[in-house]
Amino acid sequence: MQVRVRGNVVYLVVSKYEPLDKLTGKGGRNIPKTVAKFSAELTEMPSDLPVTLNDDDVGKIMRKAIIPARERAVQRIEMEAATREAEAMHAVDPNWRLQAAIESLDDVLKVVDVEGPSLDFGRLANLFTLCTQIGLVEALPTPGVSERTAQLMMLLAESIAEVAQKIEAEGFPLAGDGNIKESSMYKAWMEIGAARQALQTAMQKKRYVQTRSGESTKVVK
């Protein structure tokens, strides 16, 4: 018996000798005949084959059909598991989302124009807030929490330094007449000062910053 695999089907083929017909001149050779067929994805021997198999036939079917099908099944299971793992990791990975956000903000930067639609500063402020919250959430569970928080603080400091450069530039207007303390710029400056003081106090309590007397403040428990 021959075992032939064609696509997704296994064919069991036997050769039957056909005697020569002297009148027609046909025959006189072995004619292949399919006696059974089954799916090439089966991982066990079919129990309903319409032919009787000897040990040699079973060995051929196992080598050419069943064992390869088992190997493919194992590979398929492994690939499906790897795909699920990759999808699960993708679902909780923040970095591709950050990349998408960066690309969107790049688009915003390209279309910002003094003659175009006004930028929604409320939404821009929400972005700043979200970025700060994301950085703090990332920093807190890690062993290097102070180092990660310091990275975030450096980024905030760089942002403020960039604002300072813009204010110092020639194109930035001078304050107008009137009560300067009622201006939005002065109020923003006061908020920055209050935030700096709150940060300094917090860092003093954690002994990262010294008090004016030069002595580290003890941690309050």
N, C-alpha and C. Protein backbone atom coordinates (compact mmCIF):
# COMPACT_ATOMS: atom_id res chain seq x y z
N MET A 1 0.84 -1.20 0.00
CA MET A 1 0.00 0.00 0.00
C MET A 1 0.87 1.25 0.00
N GLN A 2 0.46 2.23 -0.77
CA GLN A 2 1.13 3.52 -0.80
C GLN A 2 0.32 4.56 -0.03
N VAL A 3 1.01 5.46 0.62
CA VAL A 3 0.37 6.56 1.34
C VAL A 3 0.76 7.86 0.65
N ARG A 4 -0.21 8.54 0.09
CA ARG A 4 0.04 9.77 -0.65
C ARG A 4 -0.70 10.93 0.03
N VAL A 5 0.02 12.01 0.24
CA VAL A 5 -0.57 13.20 0.85
C VAL A 5 -0.67 14.29 -0.22
N ARG A 6 -1.89 14.68 -0.50
CA ARG A 6 -2.14 15.72 -1.50
C ARG A 6 -2.96 16.83 -0.83
N GLY A 7 -2.31 17.96 -0.62
CA GLY A 7 -3.01 19.06 0.05
C GLY A 7 -3.39 18.67 1.46
N ASN A 8 -4.68 18.69 1.75
CA ASN A 8 -5.16 18.40 3.09
C ASN A 8 -5.79 17.01 3.18
N VAL A 9 -5.45 16.15 2.23
CA VAL A 9 -6.06 14.82 2.18
C VAL A 9 -4.97 13.76 2.06
N VAL A 10 -5.18 12.68 2.81
CA VAL A 10 -4.29 11.52 2.73
C VAL A 10 -5.01 10.43 1.93
N TYR A 11 -4.33 9.90 0.93
CA TYR A 11 -4.90 8.84 0.09
C TYR A 11 -4.14 7.55 0.34
N LEU A 12 -4.88 6.45 0.54
CA LEU A 12 -4.29 5.13 0.63
C LEU A 12 -4.52 4.45 -0.72
N VAL A 13 -3.41 4.08 -1.35
CA VAL A 13 -3.48 3.59 -2.73
C VAL A 13 -2.85 2.20 -2.82
N VAL A 14 -3.55 1.32 -3.48
CA VAL A 14 -2.99 -0.02 -3.75
C VAL A 14 -2.88 -0.20 -5.26
N SER A 15 -1.94 -1.03 -5.65
CA SER A 15 -1.75 -1.32 -7.07
C SER A 15 -2.34 -2.70 -7.37
N LYS A 16 -3.16 -2.73 -8.37
CA LYS A 16 -3.80 -3.98 -8.78
C LYS A 16 -3.41 -4.30 -10.21
N TYR A 17 -2.90 -5.54 -10.40
CA TYR A 17 -2.45 -5.91 -11.74
C TYR A 17 -3.66 -6.17 -12.63
N GLU A 18 -3.60 -5.53 -13.78
CA GLU A 18 -4.67 -5.74 -14.78
C GLU A 18 -4.10 -6.58 -15.92
N PRO A 19 -4.61 -7.78 -16.10
CA PRO A 19 -4.08 -8.66 -17.16
C PRO A 19 -4.21 -8.01 -18.54
N LEU A 20 -3.35 -8.42 -19.41
CA LEU A 20 -3.36 -7.89 -20.79
C LEU A 20 -4.53 -8.46 -21.56
N ASP A 21 -5.30 -7.60 -22.17
CA ASP A 21 -6.39 -8.01 -23.05
C ASP A 21 -5.83 -8.05 -24.47
N LYS A 22 -5.68 -9.29 -24.99
CA LYS A 22 -5.04 -9.44 -26.29
C LYS A 22 -5.85 -8.81 -27.42
N LEU A 23 -7.15 -8.73 -27.22
CA LEU A 23 -7.98 -8.16 -28.28
C LEU A 23 -7.84 -6.64 -28.36
N THR A 24 -7.85 -6.00 -27.18
CA THR A 24 -7.78 -4.52 -27.17
C THR A 24 -6.35 -4.01 -26.99
N GLY A 25 -5.49 -4.87 -26.50
CA GLY A 25 -4.12 -4.42 -26.24
C GLY A 25 -3.98 -3.63 -24.96
N LYS A 26 -5.05 -3.59 -24.16
CA LYS A 26 -5.00 -2.83 -22.92
C LYS A 26 -4.67 -3.75 -21.75
N GLY A 27 -4.16 -3.15 -20.72
CA GLY A 27 -3.82 -3.91 -19.52
C GLY A 27 -2.37 -4.32 -19.53
N GLY A 28 -2.11 -5.40 -18.79
CA GLY A 28 -0.74 -5.86 -18.69
C GLY A 28 0.13 -4.98 -17.79
N ARG A 29 -0.51 -4.31 -16.87
CA ARG A 29 0.27 -3.43 -15.97
C ARG A 29 -0.48 -3.24 -14.66
N ASN A 30 0.22 -2.64 -13.67
CA ASN A 30 -0.39 -2.35 -12.37
C ASN A 30 -1.20 -1.05 -12.45
N ILE A 31 -2.41 -1.11 -11.98
CA ILE A 31 -3.29 0.06 -11.98
C ILE A 31 -3.48 0.55 -10.54
N PRO A 32 -3.08 1.83 -10.24
CA PRO A 32 -3.28 2.34 -8.87
C PRO A 32 -4.75 2.58 -8.58
N LYS A 33 -5.16 2.23 -7.38
CA LYS A 33 -6.55 2.43 -6.98
C LYS A 33 -6.60 2.94 -5.55
N THR A 34 -7.34 4.05 -5.35
CA THR A 34 -7.53 4.62 -4.01
C THR A 34 -8.56 3.80 -3.25
N VAL A 35 -8.14 3.26 -2.11
CA VAL A 35 -9.05 2.42 -1.33
C VAL A 35 -9.59 3.15 -0.10
N ALA A 36 -8.97 4.27 0.25
CA ALA A 36 -9.44 5.05 1.41
C ALA A 36 -8.78 6.42 1.38
N LYS A 37 -9.42 7.37 2.05
CA LYS A 37 -8.83 8.70 2.19
C LYS A 37 -9.37 9.34 3.47
N PHE A 38 -8.56 10.23 4.03
CA PHE A 38 -8.96 10.93 5.26
C PHE A 38 -8.20 12.24 5.36
N SER A 39 -8.61 13.09 6.30
CA SER A 39 -8.00 14.41 6.46
C SER A 39 -6.55 14.29 6.91
N ALA A 40 -5.70 15.12 6.32
CA ALA A 40 -4.29 15.13 6.69
C ALA A 40 -4.06 15.80 8.04
N GLU A 41 -5.11 16.35 8.66
CA GLU A 41 -4.97 17.00 9.97
C GLU A 41 -5.28 16.05 11.13
N LEU A 42 -5.68 14.82 10.81
CA LEU A 42 -5.96 13.86 11.88
C LEU A 42 -4.67 13.52 12.62
N THR A 43 -4.76 13.51 13.96
CA THR A 43 -3.58 13.19 14.78
C THR A 43 -3.65 11.77 15.35
N GLU A 44 -4.69 11.03 14.99
CA GLU A 44 -4.82 9.64 15.38
C GLU A 44 -5.24 8.83 14.16
N MET A 45 -4.91 7.56 14.17
CA MET A 45 -5.30 6.69 13.06
C MET A 45 -6.82 6.63 12.96
N PRO A 46 -7.39 6.80 11.77
CA PRO A 46 -8.84 6.65 11.62
C PRO A 46 -9.27 5.23 11.99
N SER A 47 -10.39 5.14 12.68
CA SER A 47 -10.87 3.81 13.11
C SER A 47 -11.87 3.21 12.14
N ASP A 48 -12.27 3.97 11.14
CA ASP A 48 -13.32 3.51 10.23
C ASP A 48 -12.83 3.31 8.80
N LEU A 49 -11.55 2.98 8.65
CA LEU A 49 -11.04 2.76 7.30
C LEU A 49 -11.67 1.50 6.70
N PRO A 50 -12.05 1.55 5.42
CA PRO A 50 -12.72 0.41 4.78
C PRO A 50 -11.75 -0.66 4.29
N VAL A 51 -10.53 -0.64 4.79
CA VAL A 51 -9.53 -1.64 4.37
C VAL A 51 -8.84 -2.20 5.60
N THR A 52 -8.29 -3.38 5.46
CA THR A 52 -7.53 -4.01 6.54
C THR A 52 -6.06 -3.64 6.38
N LEU A 53 -5.46 -3.18 7.48
CA LEU A 53 -4.07 -2.72 7.44
C LEU A 53 -3.17 -3.69 8.19
N ASN A 54 -2.00 -3.95 7.61
CA ASN A 54 -0.99 -4.71 8.34
C ASN A 54 -0.05 -3.74 9.04
N ASP A 55 0.90 -4.27 9.78
CA ASP A 55 1.81 -3.42 10.55
C ASP A 55 2.60 -2.47 9.65
N ASP A 56 2.99 -2.96 8.47
CA ASP A 56 3.75 -2.12 7.54
C ASP A 56 2.91 -0.94 7.06
N ASP A 57 1.63 -1.21 6.76
CA ASP A 57 0.73 -0.15 6.31
C ASP A 57 0.56 0.90 7.41
N VAL A 58 0.35 0.42 8.65
CA VAL A 58 0.18 1.34 9.77
C VAL A 58 1.42 2.21 9.96
N GLY A 59 2.60 1.60 9.82
CA GLY A 59 3.85 2.35 9.97
C GLY A 59 3.98 3.44 8.92
N LYS A 60 3.60 3.11 7.67
CA LYS A 60 3.66 4.12 6.60
C LYS A 60 2.72 5.29 6.89
N ILE A 61 1.49 4.97 7.31
CA ILE A 61 0.52 6.02 7.60
C ILE A 61 0.99 6.90 8.75
N MET A 62 1.57 6.27 9.77
CA MET A 62 2.05 7.05 10.91
C MET A 62 3.17 7.99 10.48
N ARG A 63 4.13 7.49 9.70
CA ARG A 63 5.28 8.31 9.30
C ARG A 63 4.89 9.43 8.35
N LYS A 64 4.04 9.15 7.41
CA LYS A 64 3.75 10.11 6.35
C LYS A 64 2.56 11.02 6.66
N ALA A 65 1.69 10.63 7.58
CA ALA A 65 0.48 11.43 7.80
C ALA A 65 0.26 11.80 9.26
N ILE A 66 0.18 10.80 10.15
CA ILE A 66 -0.22 11.07 11.53
C ILE A 66 0.84 11.85 12.30
N ILE A 67 2.09 11.42 12.25
CA ILE A 67 3.16 12.12 13.00
C ILE A 67 3.35 13.55 12.50
N PRO A 68 3.41 13.79 11.17
CA PRO A 68 3.49 15.18 10.70
C PRO A 68 2.29 16.02 11.15
N ALA A 69 1.09 15.41 11.18
CA ALA A 69 -0.10 16.15 11.63
C ALA A 69 0.04 16.52 13.11
N ARG A 70 0.59 15.61 13.92
CA ARG A 70 0.79 15.91 15.33
C ARG A 70 1.79 17.06 15.51
N GLU A 71 2.85 17.03 14.71
CA GLU A 71 3.87 18.09 14.79
C GLU A 71 3.27 19.44 14.41
N ARG A 72 2.44 19.44 13.36
CA ARG A 72 1.79 20.69 12.96
C ARG A 72 0.83 21.18 14.04
N ALA A 73 0.14 20.23 14.69
CA ALA A 73 -0.79 20.61 15.75
C ALA A 73 -0.06 21.26 16.92
N VAL A 74 1.10 20.70 17.28
CA VAL A 74 1.90 21.28 18.37
C VAL A 74 2.38 22.68 17.99
N GLN A 75 2.86 22.82 16.74
CA GLN A 75 3.31 24.13 16.28
C GLN A 75 2.17 25.15 16.28
N ARG A 76 0.98 24.69 15.88
CA ARG A 76 -0.17 25.58 15.84
C ARG A 76 -0.55 26.04 17.25
N ILE A 77 -0.52 25.10 18.19
CA ILE A 77 -0.84 25.45 19.58
C ILE A 77 0.18 26.45 20.13
N GLU A 78 1.46 26.21 19.84
CA GLU A 78 2.51 27.12 20.31
C GLU A 78 2.36 28.50 19.70
N MET A 79 2.04 28.55 18.40
CA MET A 79 1.86 29.84 17.74
C MET A 79 0.64 30.59 18.29
N GLU A 80 -0.43 29.85 18.54
CA GLU A 80 -1.63 30.48 19.10
C GLU A 80 -1.35 31.02 20.50
N ALA A 81 -0.58 30.26 21.28
CA ALA A 81 -0.23 30.72 22.63
C ALA A 81 0.65 31.97 22.56
N ALA A 82 1.61 31.97 21.61
CA ALA A 82 2.48 33.13 21.46
C ALA A 82 1.69 34.35 21.01
N THR A 83 0.71 34.12 20.12
CA THR A 83 -0.13 35.22 19.65
C THR A 83 -0.96 35.80 20.79
N ARG A 84 -1.55 34.91 21.61
CA ARG A 84 -2.34 35.38 22.76
C ARG A 84 -1.47 36.17 23.73
N GLU A 85 -0.26 35.67 23.96
CA GLU A 85 0.65 36.36 24.87
C GLU A 85 1.01 37.74 24.33
N ALA A 86 1.28 37.79 23.01
CA ALA A 86 1.62 39.08 22.39
C ALA A 86 0.45 40.05 22.45
N GLU A 87 -0.76 39.54 22.22
CA GLU A 87 -1.95 40.39 22.28
C GLU A 87 -2.19 40.89 23.70
N ALA A 88 -1.97 40.00 24.69
CA ALA A 88 -2.15 40.41 26.08
C ALA A 88 -1.13 41.48 26.46
N MET A 89 0.12 41.29 26.00
CA MET A 89 1.15 42.28 26.29
C MET A 89 0.85 43.60 25.59
N HIS A 90 0.36 43.52 24.36
CA HIS A 90 0.01 44.72 23.61
C HIS A 90 -1.10 45.50 24.31
N ALA A 91 -2.04 44.75 24.91
CA ALA A 91 -3.18 45.40 25.56
C ALA A 91 -2.76 46.22 26.77
N VAL A 92 -1.67 45.83 27.44
CA VAL A 92 -1.24 46.55 28.65
C VAL A 92 0.03 47.37 28.43
N ASP A 93 0.53 47.38 27.20
CA ASP A 93 1.76 48.12 26.90
C ASP A 93 1.42 49.60 26.66
N PRO A 94 1.95 50.52 27.48
CA PRO A 94 1.62 51.94 27.28
C PRO A 94 2.41 52.59 26.16
N ASN A 95 3.50 51.95 25.72
CA ASN A 95 4.43 52.65 24.84
C ASN A 95 3.89 52.89 23.43
N TRP A 96 3.13 51.93 22.88
CA TRP A 96 2.58 52.18 21.55
C TRP A 96 1.51 53.26 21.61
N ARG A 97 0.83 53.35 22.76
CA ARG A 97 -0.15 54.42 22.93
C ARG A 97 0.56 55.78 23.01
N LEU A 98 1.70 55.81 23.71
CA LEU A 98 2.48 57.04 23.77
C LEU A 98 2.96 57.45 22.37
N GLN A 99 3.38 56.46 21.59
CA GLN A 99 3.84 56.75 20.23
C GLN A 99 2.70 57.34 19.40
N ALA A 100 1.50 56.77 19.55
CA ALA A 100 0.34 57.30 18.83
C ALA A 100 0.04 58.73 19.28
N ALA A 101 0.18 58.98 20.59
CA ALA A 101 -0.07 60.33 21.11
C ALA A 101 0.95 61.31 20.57
N ILE A 102 2.21 60.88 20.51
CA ILE A 102 3.27 61.75 19.98
C ILE A 102 2.99 62.10 18.52
N GLU A 103 2.57 61.10 17.75
CA GLU A 103 2.28 61.35 16.34
C GLU A 103 1.11 62.32 16.20
N SER A 104 0.10 62.20 17.06
CA SER A 104 -1.03 63.11 17.01
C SER A 104 -0.60 64.53 17.38
N LEU A 105 0.25 64.65 18.39
CA LEU A 105 0.73 65.98 18.79
C LEU A 105 1.62 66.59 17.73
N ASP A 106 2.37 65.76 17.02
CA ASP A 106 3.15 66.27 15.89
C ASP A 106 2.23 66.89 14.84
N ASP A 107 1.10 66.25 14.61
CA ASP A 107 0.11 66.79 13.67
C ASP A 107 -0.43 68.12 14.18
N VAL A 108 -0.68 68.20 15.50
CA VAL A 108 -1.16 69.46 16.09
C VAL A 108 -0.14 70.57 15.86
N LEU A 109 1.13 70.26 16.10
CA LEU A 109 2.19 71.25 15.96
C LEU A 109 2.27 71.77 14.52
N LYS A 110 2.00 70.89 13.57
CA LYS A 110 2.10 71.28 12.16
C LYS A 110 0.98 72.23 11.73
N VAL A 111 -0.18 72.14 12.40
CA VAL A 111 -1.32 72.94 11.95
C VAL A 111 -1.59 74.15 12.85
N VAL A 112 -0.83 74.30 13.94
CA VAL A 112 -1.02 75.47 14.80
C VAL A 112 -0.62 76.71 14.00
N ASP A 113 -1.54 77.66 13.90
CA ASP A 113 -1.31 78.86 13.08
C ASP A 113 -2.10 80.01 13.72
N VAL A 114 -1.46 81.16 13.82
CA VAL A 114 -2.13 82.31 14.43
C VAL A 114 -3.36 82.73 13.63
N GLU A 115 -3.38 82.39 12.35
CA GLU A 115 -4.52 82.77 11.51
C GLU A 115 -5.56 81.65 11.42
N GLY A 116 -5.27 80.52 11.99
CA GLY A 116 -6.19 79.39 11.94
C GLY A 116 -7.06 79.33 13.18
N PRO A 117 -7.78 78.19 13.36
CA PRO A 117 -8.62 78.03 14.56
C PRO A 117 -7.79 78.12 15.84
N SER A 118 -8.37 78.70 16.87
CA SER A 118 -7.65 78.87 18.14
C SER A 118 -7.42 77.51 18.81
N LEU A 119 -6.26 77.38 19.41
CA LEU A 119 -5.93 76.16 20.15
C LEU A 119 -6.71 76.12 21.45
N ASP A 120 -7.27 74.97 21.78
CA ASP A 120 -8.02 74.80 23.01
C ASP A 120 -7.03 74.57 24.16
N PHE A 121 -6.75 75.64 24.91
CA PHE A 121 -5.75 75.54 25.98
C PHE A 121 -6.25 74.69 27.14
N GLY A 122 -7.57 74.57 27.29
CA GLY A 122 -8.09 73.69 28.33
C GLY A 122 -7.70 72.24 28.07
N ARG A 123 -7.82 71.81 26.82
CA ARG A 123 -7.42 70.46 26.46
C ARG A 123 -5.90 70.29 26.56
N LEU A 124 -5.18 71.34 26.18
CA LEU A 124 -3.72 71.27 26.28
C LEU A 124 -3.31 71.11 27.74
N ALA A 125 -4.01 71.83 28.63
CA ALA A 125 -3.72 71.70 30.06
C ALA A 125 -4.02 70.29 30.55
N ASN A 126 -5.09 69.70 30.02
CA ASN A 126 -5.41 68.31 30.39
C ASN A 126 -4.29 67.37 29.99
N LEU A 127 -3.66 67.63 28.86
CA LEU A 127 -2.53 66.80 28.43
C LEU A 127 -1.38 66.90 29.42
N PHE A 128 -1.07 68.12 29.86
CA PHE A 128 -0.01 68.28 30.84
C PHE A 128 -0.33 67.49 32.10
N THR A 129 -1.57 67.63 32.57
CA THR A 129 -1.98 66.94 33.79
C THR A 129 -1.89 65.43 33.63
N LEU A 130 -2.39 64.92 32.51
CA LEU A 130 -2.35 63.48 32.26
C LEU A 130 -0.91 62.96 32.19
N CYS A 131 -0.05 63.72 31.53
CA CYS A 131 1.35 63.29 31.41
C CYS A 131 2.00 63.20 32.79
N THR A 132 1.70 64.19 33.64
CA THR A 132 2.25 64.17 35.00
C THR A 132 1.71 62.99 35.79
N GLN A 133 0.40 62.75 35.68
CA GLN A 133 -0.19 61.63 36.40
C GLN A 133 0.37 60.29 35.91
N ILE A 134 0.54 60.16 34.61
CA ILE A 134 1.09 58.92 34.05
C ILE A 134 2.50 58.69 34.58
N GLY A 135 3.30 59.75 34.59
CA GLY A 135 4.67 59.62 35.10
C GLY A 135 4.71 59.20 36.56
N LEU A 136 3.82 59.77 37.37
CA LEU A 136 3.80 59.43 38.80
C LEU A 136 3.31 58.01 39.03
N VAL A 137 2.28 57.60 38.28
CA VAL A 137 1.77 56.23 38.42
C VAL A 137 2.86 55.22 38.04
N GLU A 138 3.63 55.52 37.00
CA GLU A 138 4.71 54.64 36.58
C GLU A 138 5.81 54.59 37.62
N ALA A 139 6.09 55.72 38.26
CA ALA A 139 7.21 55.79 39.20
C ALA A 139 6.92 55.08 40.51
N LEU A 140 5.70 55.19 41.02
CA LEU A 140 5.41 54.73 42.37
C LEU A 140 5.65 53.25 42.62
N PRO A 141 5.26 52.31 41.71
CA PRO A 141 5.43 50.89 42.04
C PRO A 141 6.86 50.39 41.87
N THR A 142 7.76 51.22 41.30
CA THR A 142 9.09 50.72 40.97
C THR A 142 10.05 50.87 42.15
N PRO A 143 11.07 49.99 42.21
CA PRO A 143 12.07 50.13 43.28
C PRO A 143 12.80 51.47 43.21
N GLY A 144 13.02 51.98 42.01
CA GLY A 144 13.71 53.27 41.85
C GLY A 144 12.74 54.42 41.78
N VAL A 145 11.79 54.47 42.72
CA VAL A 145 10.73 55.48 42.67
C VAL A 145 11.29 56.89 42.70
N SER A 146 12.32 57.13 43.50
CA SER A 146 12.87 58.49 43.59
C SER A 146 13.54 58.89 42.28
N GLU A 147 14.25 57.93 41.65
CA GLU A 147 14.91 58.24 40.38
C GLU A 147 13.89 58.53 39.28
N ARG A 148 12.80 57.73 39.23
CA ARG A 148 11.78 57.94 38.20
C ARG A 148 11.06 59.28 38.42
N THR A 149 10.78 59.60 39.68
CA THR A 149 10.12 60.87 39.99
C THR A 149 11.04 62.04 39.64
N ALA A 150 12.34 61.84 39.89
CA ALA A 150 13.30 62.89 39.54
C ALA A 150 13.31 63.13 38.03
N GLN A 151 13.19 62.05 37.24
CA GLN A 151 13.11 62.20 35.80
C GLN A 151 11.92 63.06 35.40
N LEU A 152 10.79 62.78 36.02
CA LEU A 152 9.57 63.54 35.73
C LEU A 152 9.76 65.01 36.12
N MET A 153 10.35 65.26 37.28
CA MET A 153 10.58 66.63 37.73
C MET A 153 11.51 67.38 36.77
N MET A 154 12.51 66.68 36.24
CA MET A 154 13.42 67.30 35.28
C MET A 154 12.68 67.71 34.01
N LEU A 155 11.75 66.85 33.57
CA LEU A 155 10.97 67.18 32.38
C LEU A 155 10.11 68.42 32.62
N LEU A 156 9.50 68.49 33.81
CA LEU A 156 8.68 69.65 34.14
C LEU A 156 9.55 70.91 34.21
N ALA A 157 10.76 70.76 34.77
CA ALA A 157 11.67 71.90 34.86
C ALA A 157 12.08 72.38 33.47
N GLU A 158 12.32 71.44 32.57
CA GLU A 158 12.68 71.81 31.20
C GLU A 158 11.54 72.55 30.51
N SER A 159 10.31 72.12 30.78
CA SER A 159 9.15 72.79 30.19
C SER A 159 9.06 74.24 30.68
N ILE A 160 9.28 74.43 31.98
CA ILE A 160 9.23 75.78 32.53
C ILE A 160 10.36 76.63 31.96
N ALA A 161 11.55 76.03 31.77
CA ALA A 161 12.68 76.75 31.19
C ALA A 161 12.37 77.20 29.77
N GLU A 162 11.66 76.35 29.01
CA GLU A 162 11.28 76.73 27.65
C GLU A 162 10.30 77.89 27.66
N VAL A 163 9.35 77.85 28.62
CA VAL A 163 8.41 78.97 28.75
C VAL A 163 9.17 80.25 29.07
N ALA A 164 10.18 80.16 29.94
CA ALA A 164 10.97 81.33 30.30
C ALA A 164 11.65 81.92 29.08
N GLN A 165 12.17 81.07 28.20
CA GLN A 165 12.81 81.56 26.98
C GLN A 165 11.82 82.29 26.08
N LYS A 166 10.60 81.77 25.99
CA LYS A 166 9.58 82.41 25.16
C LYS A 166 9.22 83.79 25.72
N ILE A 167 9.10 83.87 27.06
CA ILE A 167 8.74 85.14 27.69
C ILE A 167 9.85 86.17 27.49
N GLU A 168 11.09 85.72 27.54
CA GLU A 168 12.22 86.62 27.42
C GLU A 168 12.43 87.10 25.99
N ALA A 169 11.89 86.40 25.02
CA ALA A 169 12.11 86.75 23.61
C ALA A 169 11.50 88.11 23.28
N GLU A 170 12.00 88.74 22.22
CA GLU A 170 11.58 90.08 21.84
C GLU A 170 10.09 90.15 21.51
N GLY A 171 9.57 89.08 20.91
CA GLY A 171 8.18 89.12 20.47
C GLY A 171 7.15 89.06 21.59
N PHE A 172 7.59 88.71 22.80
CA PHE A 172 6.64 88.60 23.90
C PHE A 172 6.28 89.99 24.41
N PRO A 173 5.00 90.30 24.61
CA PRO A 173 4.60 91.67 24.97
C PRO A 173 4.93 92.03 26.42
N LEU A 174 5.08 93.33 26.65
CA LEU A 174 5.24 93.82 28.01
C LEU A 174 3.87 93.84 28.70
N ALA A 175 3.92 93.84 30.01
CA ALA A 175 2.65 93.92 30.75
C ALA A 175 1.98 95.27 30.49
N GLY A 176 0.68 95.24 30.43
CA GLY A 176 -0.05 96.48 30.18
C GLY A 176 -0.25 97.29 31.45
N ASP A 177 -0.94 98.38 31.30
CA ASP A 177 -1.22 99.22 32.47
C ASP A 177 -2.29 98.55 33.34
N GLY A 178 -2.40 99.00 34.53
CA GLY A 178 -3.41 98.46 35.42
C GLY A 178 -2.81 97.65 36.56
N ASN A 179 -3.66 96.94 37.26
CA ASN A 179 -3.23 96.14 38.41
C ASN A 179 -2.62 94.84 37.91
N ILE A 180 -1.30 94.77 37.93
CA ILE A 180 -0.58 93.60 37.42
C ILE A 180 -0.97 92.34 38.19
N LYS A 181 -1.27 92.50 39.49
CA LYS A 181 -1.60 91.34 40.31
C LYS A 181 -2.92 90.68 39.90
N GLU A 182 -3.69 91.36 39.08
CA GLU A 182 -4.93 90.77 38.59
C GLU A 182 -4.75 90.08 37.24
N SER A 183 -3.55 90.17 36.70
CA SER A 183 -3.30 89.58 35.37
C SER A 183 -3.16 88.07 35.48
N SER A 184 -3.45 87.39 34.39
CA SER A 184 -3.33 85.93 34.37
C SER A 184 -1.89 85.48 34.52
N MET A 185 -0.95 86.27 33.98
CA MET A 185 0.46 85.92 34.09
C MET A 185 0.92 85.94 35.55
N TYR A 186 0.51 86.97 36.28
CA TYR A 186 0.90 87.06 37.69
C TYR A 186 0.30 85.91 38.49
N LYS A 187 -0.99 85.60 38.22
CA LYS A 187 -1.65 84.50 38.93
C LYS A 187 -0.95 83.16 38.64
N ALA A 188 -0.55 82.99 37.40
CA ALA A 188 0.16 81.75 37.04
C ALA A 188 1.49 81.67 37.78
N TRP A 189 2.18 82.81 37.87
CA TRP A 189 3.45 82.86 38.58
C TRP A 189 3.28 82.52 40.05
N MET A 190 2.21 83.02 40.66
CA MET A 190 1.93 82.72 42.06
C MET A 190 1.65 81.21 42.25
N GLU A 191 0.93 80.63 41.28
CA GLU A 191 0.64 79.18 41.36
C GLU A 191 1.93 78.38 41.27
N ILE A 192 2.84 78.82 40.39
CA ILE A 192 4.13 78.12 40.27
C ILE A 192 4.92 78.24 41.56
N GLY A 193 4.88 79.44 42.17
CA GLY A 193 5.59 79.63 43.43
C GLY A 193 5.02 78.75 44.53
N ALA A 194 3.68 78.66 44.60
CA ALA A 194 3.05 77.83 45.62
C ALA A 194 3.37 76.36 45.40
N ALA A 195 3.37 75.95 44.13
CA ALA A 195 3.69 74.56 43.82
C ALA A 195 5.13 74.25 44.18
N ARG A 196 6.03 75.19 43.90
CA ARG A 196 7.44 75.00 44.26
C ARG A 196 7.61 74.86 45.77
N GLN A 197 6.89 75.68 46.54
CA GLN A 197 6.99 75.62 47.99
C GLN A 197 6.46 74.29 48.52
N ALA A 198 5.35 73.82 47.93
CA ALA A 198 4.78 72.54 48.35
C ALA A 198 5.75 71.40 48.05
N LEU A 199 6.39 71.48 46.88
CA LEU A 199 7.36 70.44 46.52
C LEU A 199 8.57 70.49 47.43
N GLN A 200 9.04 71.70 47.74
CA GLN A 200 10.19 71.82 48.63
C GLN A 200 9.88 71.25 50.01
N THR A 201 8.70 71.54 50.53
CA THR A 201 8.31 71.03 51.84
C THR A 201 8.25 69.51 51.84
N ALA A 202 7.67 68.94 50.77
CA ALA A 202 7.58 67.49 50.68
C ALA A 202 8.96 66.86 50.62
N MET A 203 9.88 67.48 49.88
CA MET A 203 11.23 66.92 49.75
C MET A 203 12.03 67.10 51.03
N GLN A 204 11.75 68.16 51.77
CA GLN A 204 12.39 68.32 53.07
C GLN A 204 11.97 67.22 54.04
N LYS A 205 10.68 66.88 54.02
CA LYS A 205 10.19 65.83 54.91
C LYS A 205 10.82 64.48 54.58
N LYS A 206 11.16 64.27 53.31
CA LYS A 206 11.78 63.01 52.90
C LYS A 206 13.31 63.10 52.90
N ARG A 207 13.86 64.26 53.41
CA ARG A 207 15.30 64.46 53.58
C ARG A 207 16.08 64.59 52.27
N TYR A 208 15.37 64.90 51.18
CA TYR A 208 16.08 65.14 49.93
C TYR A 208 16.56 66.59 49.84
N VAL A 209 15.95 67.48 50.62
CA VAL A 209 16.30 68.90 50.63
C VAL A 209 16.48 69.34 52.08
N GLN A 210 17.51 70.15 52.31
CA GLN A 210 17.77 70.61 53.67
C GLN A 210 16.96 71.86 53.99
N THR A 211 16.74 72.07 55.29
CA THR A 211 16.07 73.29 55.76
C THR A 211 17.07 74.44 55.71
N ARG A 212 16.61 75.65 55.98
CA ARG A 212 17.48 76.82 55.94
C ARG A 212 18.60 76.75 56.97
N SER A 213 18.35 76.02 58.05
CA SER A 213 19.39 75.90 59.08
C SER A 213 20.48 74.94 58.65
N GLY A 214 20.25 74.23 57.51
CA GLY A 214 21.26 73.31 57.01
C GLY A 214 21.10 71.91 57.51
N GLU A 215 20.09 71.69 58.35
CA GLU A 215 19.86 70.36 58.90
C GLU A 215 18.68 69.70 58.19
N SER A 216 18.80 68.44 57.90
CA SER A 216 17.72 67.72 57.23
C SER A 216 16.54 67.59 58.19
N THR A 217 15.35 67.82 57.66
CA THR A 217 14.14 67.65 58.47
C THR A 217 13.90 66.16 58.71
N LYS A 218 13.56 65.80 59.92
CA LYS A 218 13.28 64.41 60.21
C LYS A 218 11.97 63.97 59.56
N VAL A 219 11.93 62.70 59.15
CA VAL A 219 10.72 62.18 58.54
C VAL A 219 9.64 62.08 59.60
N VAL A 220 8.48 62.64 59.30
CA VAL A 220 7.36 62.59 60.25
C VAL A 220 6.60 61.29 60.05
N LYS A 221 6.45 60.51 61.10
CA LYS A 221 5.75 59.23 61.01
C LYS A 221 4.46 59.30 61.81
